[in-house]
N, C-alpha and C. Protein backbone atom coordinates (compact mmCIF):
# COMPACT_ATOMS: atom_id res chain seq x y z
N UNK A 1 38.73 56.37 -35.35
CA UNK A 1 38.88 55.52 -36.10
C UNK A 1 40.38 55.35 -35.75
N UNK A 2 41.01 54.54 -35.47
CA UNK A 2 42.25 54.48 -35.23
C UNK A 2 43.17 53.33 -36.10
N UNK A 3 44.01 53.42 -36.87
CA UNK A 3 44.55 52.57 -37.85
C UNK A 3 45.90 52.59 -37.59
N UNK A 4 46.18 50.84 -37.16
CA UNK A 4 47.77 51.03 -37.07
C UNK A 4 48.39 49.83 -38.13
N UNK A 5 49.72 49.94 -38.43
CA UNK A 5 50.31 48.48 -39.02
C UNK A 5 50.60 47.30 -38.22
N UNK A 6 50.00 45.80 -38.97
CA UNK A 6 50.91 44.98 -38.76
C UNK A 6 51.88 44.81 -38.70
N UNK A 7 52.52 43.61 -38.27
CA UNK A 7 54.04 43.57 -38.15
C UNK A 7 54.54 42.86 -39.79
N UNK A 8 53.46 42.69 -40.93
CA UNK A 8 53.33 41.89 -41.80
C UNK A 8 53.22 43.24 -42.83
N UNK A 9 54.17 43.75 -43.40
CA UNK A 9 54.11 45.36 -44.14
C UNK A 9 53.16 45.00 -45.32
N UNK A 10 52.30 45.98 -45.50
CA UNK A 10 51.38 45.87 -46.39
C UNK A 10 49.91 45.43 -45.62
N UNK A 11 49.79 45.37 -44.10
CA UNK A 11 48.73 44.38 -43.50
C UNK A 11 48.25 45.85 -42.20
N UNK A 12 47.19 45.75 -41.94
CA UNK A 12 46.90 47.04 -41.05
C UNK A 12 45.72 46.66 -39.87
N UNK A 13 45.57 47.06 -38.88
CA UNK A 13 44.34 46.75 -37.91
C UNK A 13 43.77 47.93 -38.06
N UNK A 14 42.05 48.07 -37.94
CA UNK A 14 41.26 49.40 -37.93
C UNK A 14 40.74 49.09 -36.52
N UNK A 15 40.71 50.26 -35.90
CA UNK A 15 39.85 50.16 -34.58
C UNK A 15 39.25 51.21 -34.55
N UNK A 16 37.87 51.03 -34.78
CA UNK A 16 36.51 51.92 -34.72
C UNK A 16 35.88 52.58 -33.62
N UNK A 17 35.81 54.09 -33.54
CA UNK A 17 35.63 54.63 -32.52
C UNK A 17 34.00 54.31 -32.24
N UNK A 18 32.89 53.69 -31.39
CA UNK A 18 31.62 53.48 -31.06
C UNK A 18 31.01 54.26 -30.22
N UNK A 19 30.25 54.87 -30.76
CA UNK A 19 29.33 55.82 -30.18
C UNK A 19 27.81 55.29 -29.28
N UNK A 20 27.82 55.00 -27.89
CA UNK A 20 27.26 54.31 -27.54
C UNK A 20 25.89 54.66 -26.58
N UNK A 21 24.80 54.71 -27.08
CA UNK A 21 23.78 55.44 -25.76
C UNK A 21 22.62 54.82 -25.68
N UNK A 22 21.49 54.54 -24.59
CA UNK A 22 20.43 53.94 -24.93
C UNK A 22 19.68 52.85 -25.88
N UNK A 23 20.15 53.50 -26.95
CA UNK A 23 18.99 53.22 -28.53
C UNK A 23 19.89 52.55 -28.83
N UNK A 24 21.91 52.05 -28.42
CA UNK A 24 22.43 50.98 -29.25
C UNK A 24 23.92 52.03 -29.53
N UNK A 25 24.16 51.69 -30.24
CA UNK A 25 25.19 52.06 -30.91
C UNK A 25 25.58 52.60 -32.28
N UNK A 26 26.61 53.17 -32.62
CA UNK A 26 26.85 53.76 -33.73
C UNK A 26 28.57 53.84 -34.29
N UNK A 27 28.98 53.18 -35.44
CA UNK A 27 29.97 53.60 -35.83
C UNK A 27 30.52 53.14 -37.11
N UNK A 28 31.48 53.88 -37.44
CA UNK A 28 31.92 54.39 -39.05
C UNK A 28 33.35 52.70 -38.76
N UNK A 29 32.77 51.86 -39.52
CA UNK A 29 33.54 50.75 -39.85
C UNK A 29 34.46 51.12 -40.98
N UNK A 30 33.91 51.84 -41.98
CA UNK A 30 35.10 51.95 -42.98
C UNK A 30 34.75 53.70 -43.31
N UNK A 31 35.95 54.12 -43.48
CA UNK A 31 35.93 54.89 -43.78
C UNK A 31 37.89 55.34 -45.15
N UNK A 32 37.06 55.75 -46.36
CA UNK A 32 37.78 55.24 -47.45
C UNK A 32 39.13 56.20 -47.29
N UNK A 33 38.70 57.70 -47.20
CA UNK A 33 39.38 58.65 -47.15
C UNK A 33 40.93 57.95 -45.81
N UNK A 34 40.13 57.53 -44.75
CA UNK A 34 41.84 57.37 -43.48
C UNK A 34 42.12 56.55 -43.55
N UNK A 35 41.72 55.37 -44.85
CA UNK A 35 42.33 54.23 -44.91
C UNK A 35 43.04 55.12 -45.89
N UNK A 36 42.92 55.42 -47.26
CA UNK A 36 43.79 55.93 -48.38
C UNK A 36 44.98 56.91 -47.56
N UNK A 37 44.63 57.47 -46.71
CA UNK A 37 45.76 58.07 -45.57
C UNK A 37 46.95 57.58 -45.30
N UNK A 38 46.52 56.27 -44.18
CA UNK A 38 47.26 55.39 -44.02
C UNK A 38 48.30 54.20 -44.92
N UNK A 39 47.36 53.81 -45.81
CA UNK A 39 48.00 52.99 -46.85
C UNK A 39 48.12 53.71 -47.71
N UNK A 40 48.67 55.06 -48.81
CA UNK A 40 48.96 55.75 -49.44
C UNK A 40 48.11 55.86 -50.79
N UNK A 41 46.89 55.22 -50.82
CA UNK A 41 46.36 54.64 -51.95
C UNK A 41 44.70 54.49 -51.55
N UNK A 42 44.07 54.81 -52.16
CA UNK A 42 42.46 54.48 -52.40
C UNK A 42 42.11 52.87 -52.61
N UNK A 43 41.33 52.36 -51.55
CA UNK A 43 40.71 50.78 -52.11
C UNK A 43 40.08 50.70 -53.33
N UNK A 44 40.04 50.62 -53.82
CA UNK A 44 39.16 50.48 -55.40
C UNK A 44 38.36 49.33 -54.58
N UNK A 45 36.96 49.69 -54.37
CA UNK A 45 35.71 48.67 -54.34
C UNK A 45 35.30 48.10 -55.41
N UNK A 46 35.75 46.91 -55.44
CA UNK A 46 35.31 46.16 -56.57
C UNK A 46 34.00 45.08 -56.49
N UNK A 47 33.76 44.49 -55.28
CA UNK A 47 33.31 43.23 -54.52
C UNK A 47 33.12 43.38 -53.34
N UNK A 48 31.74 43.11 -52.71
CA UNK A 48 31.05 43.23 -51.36
C UNK A 48 31.09 41.20 -50.83
N UNK A 49 31.71 40.64 -50.09
CA UNK A 49 31.60 39.68 -49.46
C UNK A 49 30.75 39.44 -48.24
N UNK A 50 30.10 37.87 -48.36
CA UNK A 50 29.50 37.86 -46.37
C UNK A 50 29.86 36.72 -46.45
N UNK A 51 30.04 36.25 -44.84
CA UNK A 51 31.12 34.49 -45.19
C UNK A 51 30.74 34.38 -43.84
N UNK A 52 29.57 33.23 -43.79
CA UNK A 52 29.36 32.56 -42.34
C UNK A 52 29.66 31.15 -42.15
N UNK A 53 30.40 31.26 -40.77
CA UNK A 53 31.04 30.05 -40.69
C UNK A 53 30.80 29.41 -39.15
N UNK A 54 30.48 28.05 -39.23
CA UNK A 54 30.58 27.44 -37.58
C UNK A 54 31.28 27.49 -37.11
N UNK A 55 31.22 27.47 -35.50
CA UNK A 55 32.37 27.23 -34.64
C UNK A 55 33.41 25.85 -35.77
N UNK A 56 34.58 26.33 -34.74
CA UNK A 56 35.84 25.51 -35.71
C UNK A 56 36.18 25.53 -37.01
N UNK A 57 35.58 26.38 -37.38
CA UNK A 57 35.94 26.44 -39.26
C UNK A 57 36.86 27.13 -39.41
N UNK A 58 37.90 26.65 -40.51
CA UNK A 58 39.41 27.19 -40.65
C UNK A 58 39.07 27.73 -42.20
N UNK A 59 39.23 28.79 -42.86
CA UNK A 59 38.92 28.93 -44.52
C UNK A 59 40.14 29.59 -44.54
N UNK A 60 41.11 29.23 -45.42
CA UNK A 60 42.11 30.24 -46.03
C UNK A 60 43.57 28.40 -45.87
N UNK A 61 44.30 28.78 -46.61
CA UNK A 61 45.02 30.55 -47.18
C UNK A 61 44.87 31.13 -48.07
N UNK A 62 43.91 31.50 -48.56
CA UNK A 62 43.54 32.50 -49.74
C UNK A 62 44.41 33.22 -50.38
N UNK A 63 44.74 33.13 -51.50
CA UNK A 63 45.62 34.64 -52.32
C UNK A 63 44.73 34.64 -54.20
N UNK A 64 45.17 35.97 -54.48
CA UNK A 64 44.85 35.53 -55.53
C UNK A 64 46.16 35.83 -56.57
N UNK A 65 45.94 35.73 -58.08
CA UNK A 65 47.31 35.95 -59.21
C UNK A 65 47.61 37.76 -59.22
N UNK A 66 49.05 38.21 -59.14
CA UNK A 66 49.05 39.59 -59.65
C UNK A 66 49.39 39.52 -61.14
N UNK A 67 49.62 40.63 -61.41
CA UNK A 67 48.21 41.27 -61.12
C UNK A 67 46.91 40.81 -61.78
N UNK A 68 45.77 41.28 -60.99
CA UNK A 68 45.68 42.75 -60.35
C UNK A 68 45.84 42.00 -58.79
N UNK A 69 46.05 41.21 -58.26
CA UNK A 69 45.55 40.28 -56.98
C UNK A 69 44.36 41.17 -56.58
N UNK A 70 44.75 40.79 -55.09
CA UNK A 70 42.86 41.04 -54.33
C UNK A 70 42.98 41.66 -53.00
N UNK A 71 42.98 42.91 -52.68
CA UNK A 71 43.03 43.26 -51.11
C UNK A 71 41.82 43.51 -50.68
N UNK A 72 41.90 43.02 -49.77
CA UNK A 72 40.43 43.00 -48.68
C UNK A 72 40.64 43.78 -47.35
N UNK A 73 39.49 44.44 -47.10
CA UNK A 73 39.13 45.15 -45.74
C UNK A 73 37.99 44.21 -44.91
N UNK A 74 38.66 43.39 -44.43
CA UNK A 74 37.66 42.71 -43.88
C UNK A 74 37.32 42.88 -41.46
N UNK A 75 35.88 42.57 -41.72
CA UNK A 75 35.28 42.74 -40.10
C UNK A 75 34.26 41.92 -39.77
N UNK A 76 34.31 41.73 -38.53
CA UNK A 76 33.18 40.45 -38.27
C UNK A 76 31.83 41.34 -37.74
N UNK A 77 30.82 41.03 -38.33
CA UNK A 77 29.60 41.98 -38.04
C UNK A 77 28.57 41.00 -37.18
N UNK A 78 29.19 39.66 -36.55
CA UNK A 78 28.56 38.82 -35.96
C UNK A 78 29.32 37.79 -35.45
N UNK A 79 29.19 37.63 -33.40
CA UNK A 79 30.28 36.68 -33.56
C UNK A 79 31.58 37.31 -33.42
N UNK A 80 32.77 35.78 -33.61
CA UNK A 80 34.03 36.15 -33.54
C UNK A 80 34.89 35.44 -33.93
N UNK A 81 35.83 36.04 -34.60
CA UNK A 81 37.12 35.07 -35.36
C UNK A 81 38.31 35.52 -34.78
N UNK A 82 39.23 33.88 -35.62
CA UNK A 82 41.12 35.06 -35.43
C UNK A 82 41.30 34.90 -37.13
N UNK A 83 41.36 35.95 -37.02
CA UNK A 83 41.75 36.29 -38.62
C UNK A 83 43.35 36.30 -39.05
N UNK A 84 43.90 35.84 -39.79
CA UNK A 84 45.36 35.80 -39.89
C UNK A 84 45.48 36.15 -41.37
N UNK A 85 46.58 36.90 -41.04
CA UNK A 85 47.38 37.56 -42.58
C UNK A 85 48.55 36.50 -41.99
N UNK A 86 48.80 36.15 -43.69
CA UNK A 86 50.49 35.46 -44.10
C UNK A 86 51.16 36.20 -44.81
N UNK A 87 52.25 36.46 -44.73
CA UNK A 87 53.13 36.74 -46.13
C UNK A 87 53.39 35.79 -46.51
N UNK A 88 53.15 35.64 -48.47
CA UNK A 88 53.55 34.91 -48.85
C UNK A 88 54.38 35.87 -49.76
N UNK A 89 54.41 36.16 -49.57
CA UNK A 89 55.43 36.94 -51.11
C UNK A 89 56.72 37.05 -51.41
N UNK A 90 56.87 35.78 -51.82
CA UNK A 90 58.71 35.18 -52.13
C UNK A 90 59.26 36.81 -52.63
N UNK A 91 60.66 36.90 -51.67
CA UNK A 91 61.27 37.56 -51.39
C UNK A 91 61.05 38.75 -50.74
N UNK A 92 60.08 38.77 -50.02
CA UNK A 92 59.85 39.55 -48.64
C UNK A 92 60.55 39.01 -47.20
N UNK A 93 61.24 40.33 -46.67
CA UNK A 93 61.66 40.06 -45.32
C UNK A 93 60.98 39.21 -44.07
N UNK A 94 59.48 39.63 -45.01
CA UNK A 94 58.87 38.39 -43.32
C UNK A 94 58.11 37.11 -44.24
N UNK A 95 58.42 36.65 -45.00
CA UNK A 95 57.99 36.01 -46.23
C UNK A 95 58.02 34.62 -44.76
N UNK A 96 56.74 33.92 -45.20
CA UNK A 96 56.30 32.58 -44.13
C UNK A 96 56.01 33.00 -42.87
N UNK A 97 55.86 34.01 -42.13
CA UNK A 97 55.43 34.91 -41.17
C UNK A 97 54.13 35.13 -41.32
N UNK A 98 53.58 34.97 -40.11
CA UNK A 98 52.06 35.25 -40.28
C UNK A 98 51.40 36.02 -39.04
N UNK A 99 50.45 36.92 -38.83
CA UNK A 99 49.99 37.57 -37.36
C UNK A 99 48.38 37.24 -37.23
N UNK A 100 48.00 37.31 -36.13
CA UNK A 100 46.55 36.86 -35.79
C UNK A 100 45.62 38.46 -35.22
N UNK A 101 44.75 38.71 -35.60
CA UNK A 101 44.02 39.80 -35.11
C UNK A 101 42.52 39.04 -34.79
N UNK A 102 41.94 39.16 -33.22
CA UNK A 102 40.56 38.92 -32.97
C UNK A 102 40.17 40.03 -33.80
N UNK A 103 38.84 39.28 -34.42
CA UNK A 103 37.59 40.08 -34.96
C UNK A 103 36.25 39.81 -34.15
N UNK A 104 35.60 40.96 -33.47
CA UNK A 104 34.41 40.19 -33.35
C UNK A 104 33.13 41.29 -33.28
N UNK A 105 32.28 41.30 -32.51
CA UNK A 105 30.81 41.92 -32.51
C UNK A 105 30.69 42.88 -31.10
N UNK A 106 32.14 42.96 -30.79
CA UNK A 106 32.40 43.64 -29.38
C UNK A 106 33.35 45.07 -29.80
N UNK A 107 34.33 44.55 -30.05
CA UNK A 107 35.65 45.55 -29.87
C UNK A 107 35.31 46.18 -32.09
N UNK A 108 34.86 45.52 -32.87
CA UNK A 108 34.22 45.57 -34.11
C UNK A 108 35.84 45.97 -34.62
N UNK A 109 36.93 45.64 -34.75
CA UNK A 109 37.68 45.87 -35.32
C UNK A 109 38.01 45.73 -36.64
N UNK A 110 38.66 45.74 -37.73
CA UNK A 110 38.89 45.20 -39.06
C UNK A 110 40.37 45.13 -38.92
N UNK A 111 40.33 44.71 -40.34
CA UNK A 111 42.03 44.16 -40.99
C UNK A 111 41.53 44.45 -42.37
N UNK A 112 43.00 45.10 -42.51
CA UNK A 112 43.17 45.47 -44.45
C UNK A 112 44.49 44.80 -44.63
N UNK A 113 44.09 43.96 -45.77
CA UNK A 113 45.26 43.18 -46.32
C UNK A 113 45.90 43.69 -47.63
N UNK A 114 46.66 44.17 -48.24
CA UNK A 114 46.97 44.37 -49.59
C UNK A 114 46.91 43.46 -50.40
N UNK A 115 47.02 43.70 -51.82
CA UNK A 115 47.47 42.48 -52.91
C UNK A 115 48.77 41.59 -52.34
N UNK A 116 48.60 40.48 -52.66
CA UNK A 116 50.24 39.54 -52.58
C UNK A 116 49.93 38.60 -51.28
N UNK A 117 48.98 39.24 -49.91
CA UNK A 117 49.29 38.26 -48.87
C UNK A 117 48.15 37.09 -48.54
N UNK A 118 48.54 36.22 -47.83
CA UNK A 118 47.45 35.31 -47.57
C UNK A 118 46.26 35.37 -46.46
N UNK A 119 45.43 35.00 -46.58
CA UNK A 119 44.25 35.50 -45.58
C UNK A 119 43.61 34.40 -45.08
N UNK A 120 43.31 34.23 -44.01
CA UNK A 120 42.55 32.90 -43.35
C UNK A 120 42.25 33.48 -41.97
N UNK A 121 41.20 32.67 -41.71
CA UNK A 121 40.22 32.80 -40.19
C UNK A 121 40.28 31.21 -39.78
N UNK A 122 39.75 31.68 -38.38
CA UNK A 122 39.01 30.52 -37.47
C UNK A 122 37.82 30.85 -37.06
N UNK A 123 36.56 30.75 -37.10
CA UNK A 123 35.22 30.97 -36.42
C UNK A 123 35.13 30.45 -35.08
N UNK A 124 35.35 31.21 -33.82
CA UNK A 124 35.22 31.17 -32.52
C UNK A 124 33.87 30.51 -32.25
N UNK A 125 32.97 31.16 -32.88
CA UNK A 125 31.39 31.06 -32.73
C UNK A 125 30.79 30.10 -33.62
N UNK A 126 29.68 30.04 -33.33
CA UNK A 126 28.53 29.29 -34.60
C UNK A 126 28.29 30.59 -35.35
N UNK A 127 27.51 30.55 -36.61
CA UNK A 127 27.35 31.64 -37.43
C UNK A 127 28.19 33.05 -37.49
N UNK A 128 29.69 33.03 -36.99
CA UNK A 128 30.62 33.90 -37.50
C UNK A 128 30.28 34.46 -38.41
N UNK A 129 30.36 35.73 -38.43
CA UNK A 129 29.96 35.85 -39.73
C UNK A 129 31.02 37.38 -40.20
N UNK A 130 31.68 36.86 -41.56
CA UNK A 130 32.61 38.20 -41.89
C UNK A 130 31.70 38.94 -43.23
N UNK A 131 32.14 40.29 -42.80
CA UNK A 131 31.78 41.07 -44.09
C UNK A 131 33.13 41.36 -44.71
N UNK A 132 33.73 41.23 -46.44
CA UNK A 132 34.71 41.51 -46.85
C UNK A 132 33.97 42.87 -48.20
N UNK A 133 35.14 43.85 -48.28
CA UNK A 133 35.28 44.54 -48.78
C UNK A 133 36.18 44.25 -49.72
N UNK A 134 36.31 44.19 -50.98
CA UNK A 134 37.54 43.55 -52.29
C UNK A 134 37.73 44.63 -53.24
N UNK A 135 38.95 44.60 -53.42
CA UNK A 135 39.46 45.25 -54.74
C UNK A 135 39.37 44.85 -55.75
N UNK A 136 38.98 43.54 -55.91
CA UNK A 136 38.65 43.36 -57.51
C UNK A 136 37.61 41.52 -57.26
N UNK A 137 36.95 41.93 -58.61
CA UNK A 137 36.10 40.96 -58.52
C UNK A 137 36.63 39.59 -58.54
N UNK A 138 35.85 38.32 -57.82
CA UNK A 138 36.50 37.09 -57.49
C UNK A 138 36.55 36.20 -59.37
N UNK A 139 37.29 35.82 -59.70
CA UNK A 139 38.05 35.46 -60.49
C UNK A 139 38.68 33.65 -60.18
N UNK A 140 38.13 32.70 -60.23
CA UNK A 140 38.43 31.38 -59.90
C UNK A 140 39.59 31.16 -60.71
N UNK A 141 39.80 31.09 -61.78
CA UNK A 141 40.71 30.82 -62.36
C UNK A 141 42.20 31.34 -61.68
N UNK A 142 41.89 32.50 -61.41
CA UNK A 142 43.28 33.40 -60.56
C UNK A 142 43.28 33.12 -59.05
N UNK A 143 42.52 32.17 -58.87
CA UNK A 143 42.69 32.31 -57.29
C UNK A 143 43.45 30.96 -56.58
N UNK A 144 43.89 31.25 -55.70
CA UNK A 144 44.88 30.00 -55.25
C UNK A 144 44.88 29.56 -53.49
N UNK A 145 45.31 28.55 -53.23
CA UNK A 145 44.95 28.71 -51.51
C UNK A 145 46.64 27.93 -50.93
N UNK A 146 47.01 28.12 -50.10
CA UNK A 146 47.26 27.40 -49.27
C UNK A 146 47.64 26.57 -48.04
N UNK A 147 47.89 25.96 -47.59
CA UNK A 147 46.98 24.82 -47.09
C UNK A 147 47.62 25.36 -45.51
N UNK A 148 46.38 25.55 -44.97
CA UNK A 148 46.10 26.51 -43.48
C UNK A 148 46.59 25.52 -42.05
N UNK A 149 47.27 24.43 -42.14
CA UNK A 149 47.86 23.48 -41.57
C UNK A 149 49.36 23.24 -41.79
N UNK A 150 49.79 23.49 -42.90
CA UNK A 150 50.97 23.29 -43.45
C UNK A 150 51.91 23.69 -41.51
N UNK A 151 52.42 22.08 -41.47
CA UNK A 151 53.58 22.41 -40.84
C UNK A 151 54.64 23.94 -40.42
N UNK A 152 55.25 24.00 -41.72
CA UNK A 152 56.19 24.77 -41.79
C UNK A 152 55.68 26.43 -41.33
N UNK A 153 54.18 26.38 -41.45
CA UNK A 153 54.01 27.81 -41.01
C UNK A 153 53.34 27.70 -39.44
N UNK A 154 52.88 26.78 -39.02
CA UNK A 154 52.89 26.80 -38.08
C UNK A 154 51.75 27.40 -36.89
N UNK A 155 50.35 27.83 -37.83
CA UNK A 155 49.59 28.77 -37.44
C UNK A 155 48.94 28.03 -36.13
N UNK A 156 48.96 28.73 -35.04
CA UNK A 156 48.35 29.07 -34.11
C UNK A 156 46.75 28.70 -34.01
N UNK A 157 45.78 27.62 -34.83
CA UNK A 157 44.53 27.87 -34.91
C UNK A 157 43.75 27.48 -33.79
N UNK A 158 42.76 28.34 -32.82
CA UNK A 158 42.59 28.05 -31.82
C UNK A 158 40.93 27.48 -31.75
N UNK A 159 41.60 25.54 -32.39
CA UNK A 159 40.36 24.65 -32.04
C UNK A 159 41.09 23.45 -32.53
N UNK A 160 41.14 22.52 -31.86
CA UNK A 160 41.66 21.29 -32.21
C UNK A 160 41.56 20.28 -33.19
N UNK A 161 39.77 20.66 -33.84
CA UNK A 161 39.69 19.52 -35.04
C UNK A 161 39.49 20.90 -35.92
N UNK A 162 39.86 21.19 -36.83
CA UNK A 162 39.91 22.34 -37.71
C UNK A 162 38.64 21.83 -38.21
N UNK A 163 37.81 22.45 -38.99
CA UNK A 163 36.62 22.36 -40.26
C UNK A 163 37.01 22.76 -41.49
N UNK A 164 37.73 22.60 -42.40
CA UNK A 164 38.21 22.88 -43.45
C UNK A 164 37.01 22.31 -44.49
N UNK A 165 37.13 23.07 -45.92
CA UNK A 165 36.66 22.57 -47.23
C UNK A 165 37.40 21.60 -48.00
N UNK A 166 36.80 21.38 -48.53
CA UNK A 166 37.76 19.87 -49.55
C UNK A 166 38.65 20.56 -50.26
N UNK A 167 38.83 22.02 -50.71
CA UNK A 167 39.53 22.72 -51.30
C UNK A 167 40.78 22.84 -50.60
N UNK A 168 40.71 23.21 -49.47
CA UNK A 168 41.17 23.65 -48.57
C UNK A 168 42.51 22.36 -47.94
N UNK A 169 41.71 21.18 -47.54
CA UNK A 169 42.01 20.31 -47.36
C UNK A 169 43.08 20.05 -48.43
N UNK A 170 42.97 20.11 -49.50
CA UNK A 170 43.88 19.52 -50.76
C UNK A 170 45.03 20.47 -51.08
N UNK A 171 45.02 21.63 -50.18
CA UNK A 171 45.95 22.76 -50.77
C UNK A 171 47.31 22.10 -50.74
N UNK A 172 48.46 22.70 -51.42
CA UNK A 172 49.40 22.42 -51.25
C UNK A 172 50.21 23.65 -50.44
N UNK A 173 51.35 22.62 -49.66
CA UNK A 173 51.72 23.33 -48.75
C UNK A 173 52.73 25.05 -49.09
N UNK A 174 52.85 26.09 -48.46
CA UNK A 174 53.56 26.80 -48.48
C UNK A 174 54.97 26.66 -49.68
N UNK A 175 55.51 25.68 -49.26
CA UNK A 175 56.97 25.31 -50.44
C UNK A 175 56.55 24.78 -51.65
N UNK A 176 55.23 23.64 -51.11
CA UNK A 176 55.02 23.46 -52.74
C UNK A 176 54.58 24.61 -53.61
N UNK A 177 53.50 25.39 -53.17
CA UNK A 177 53.38 26.27 -53.91
C UNK A 177 53.86 27.43 -54.71
N UNK A 178 55.45 27.33 -53.73
CA UNK A 178 56.28 28.17 -54.45
C UNK A 178 57.32 27.61 -55.36
N UNK A 179 57.32 26.43 -55.52
CA UNK A 179 57.94 25.96 -56.49
C UNK A 179 57.02 25.35 -57.13
N UNK A 180 55.55 25.66 -57.37
CA UNK A 180 55.13 25.52 -57.96
C UNK A 180 54.72 27.10 -59.24
N UNK A 181 55.30 27.87 -58.47
CA UNK A 181 55.36 29.42 -59.19
C UNK A 181 54.31 29.80 -58.37
N UNK A 182 53.05 29.70 -58.12
CA UNK A 182 51.95 30.32 -57.72
C UNK A 182 52.24 31.55 -56.65
N UNK A 183 53.19 31.36 -55.95
CA UNK A 183 53.28 32.37 -55.09
C UNK A 183 53.73 33.80 -56.18
N UNK A 184 53.27 34.59 -55.03
CA UNK A 184 53.33 36.19 -55.70
C UNK A 184 54.76 36.32 -55.02
N UNK A 185 55.30 37.60 -56.42
CA UNK A 185 56.92 38.38 -55.58
C UNK A 185 56.39 39.62 -55.33
N UNK A 186 57.55 39.28 -53.87
CA UNK A 186 57.53 41.28 -53.10
C UNK A 186 57.78 42.17 -54.11
N UNK A 187 58.78 41.87 -54.67
CA UNK A 187 58.93 43.20 -55.96
C UNK A 187 57.75 43.46 -56.47
N UNK A 188 57.15 42.56 -57.50
CA UNK A 188 55.78 42.96 -57.77
C UNK A 188 54.86 43.56 -57.32
N UNK A 189 54.90 43.31 -55.74
CA UNK A 189 53.67 44.00 -55.10
C UNK A 189 54.28 45.01 -54.86
N UNK A 190 55.44 45.43 -54.54
CA UNK A 190 55.70 46.60 -53.95
C UNK A 190 55.32 47.70 -55.22
N UNK A 191 55.83 47.18 -56.74
CA UNK A 191 55.64 47.90 -57.98
C UNK A 191 54.86 48.44 -58.03
N UNK A 192 53.10 47.28 -57.49
CA UNK A 192 51.92 47.45 -57.55
C UNK A 192 51.66 48.74 -56.72
N UNK A 193 51.91 48.72 -56.02
CA UNK A 193 51.56 49.19 -54.65
C UNK A 193 51.80 50.60 -54.76
N UNK A 194 53.39 50.95 -55.30
CA UNK A 194 54.01 52.38 -55.68
C UNK A 194 52.95 52.98 -56.87
N UNK A 195 52.94 51.91 -57.77
CA UNK A 195 51.81 52.56 -58.74
C UNK A 195 50.46 53.54 -58.62
N UNK A 196 49.58 53.02 -57.59
CA UNK A 196 48.44 53.62 -56.54
C UNK A 196 49.05 54.70 -55.57
N UNK A 197 49.84 54.54 -55.35
CA UNK A 197 50.35 55.48 -53.94
C UNK A 197 50.18 57.05 -54.56
N UNK A 198 50.20 57.27 -55.40
CA UNK A 198 49.77 58.76 -55.85
C UNK A 198 48.59 59.57 -56.08
N UNK A 199 47.32 58.28 -55.28
CA UNK A 199 46.59 58.93 -55.32
C UNK A 199 46.21 59.76 -54.15
N UNK A 200 45.35 61.44 -54.64
CA UNK A 200 45.22 61.87 -53.56
C UNK A 200 44.22 61.64 -52.57
N UNK A 201 44.05 61.89 -51.23
CA UNK A 201 43.13 61.58 -50.28
C UNK A 201 42.83 62.68 -49.91
N UNK A 202 41.23 62.94 -49.29
CA UNK A 202 40.27 64.75 -49.34
C UNK A 202 40.92 64.36 -48.01
N UNK A 203 40.98 65.29 -47.06
CA UNK A 203 40.89 65.55 -46.04
C UNK A 203 39.35 65.32 -45.47
N UNK A 204 39.29 64.83 -43.97
CA UNK A 204 37.45 64.59 -43.48
C UNK A 204 37.90 64.59 -42.06
N UNK A 205 36.75 64.33 -41.21
CA UNK A 205 36.44 64.44 -39.57
C UNK A 205 35.77 63.17 -39.72
N UNK A 206 35.79 62.99 -38.34
CA UNK A 206 34.70 61.86 -37.82
C UNK A 206 33.41 62.50 -38.18
N UNK A 207 32.22 62.22 -38.54
CA UNK A 207 31.15 61.89 -38.79
C UNK A 207 30.10 61.04 -38.67
N UNK A 208 28.94 61.51 -39.39
CA UNK A 208 27.92 60.69 -39.60
C UNK A 208 26.57 60.77 -38.50
N UNK A 209 25.62 59.81 -39.57
CA UNK A 209 24.22 60.16 -38.14
C UNK A 209 24.53 59.51 -36.93
N UNK A 210 24.61 59.66 -35.63
CA UNK A 210 24.06 58.65 -35.09
C UNK A 210 22.73 58.51 -33.92
């Protein structure tokens, strides 16, 4: 398993090692100890979600109030998506920037994004299925969204006709969300992460049943 930081502080790409033979294949798509070693603290697993989307669907850009925020570990178990991480943290040196990672059922990569980052994706196939591990349970009163087609962000979505939910289509732009005081503060995010980075992570090796 290889874990590398993305250009946005607080986001990582995870590439698992796949073991194949005539029976099929085996991989470790999540390792709490290896992730904790990379990000500085264990992921608190509070909820797991599954999302199925038709081709051309764009979901996002979603984020949650801090504290507690909601960190996410996302992988595509069927089909393919372009997964997008957006820095919406006011005061961040990369505020307003985004990075895209292809997640699919071939390379089986995953993305981890820490609390305070915006998240969205575009389905490249029908029945594109994402699995999320989340650090906090869903709280609709604390959930927010930024319009995924905001011209200021200029995200390159790989579809000519994005299919949005009514909620996402009515979402504010990044500037509007900032003016309304909805966006997380960069220093608050850093303080939250610093308070968790003292967690110890046990040493371990690759393993599992193949």
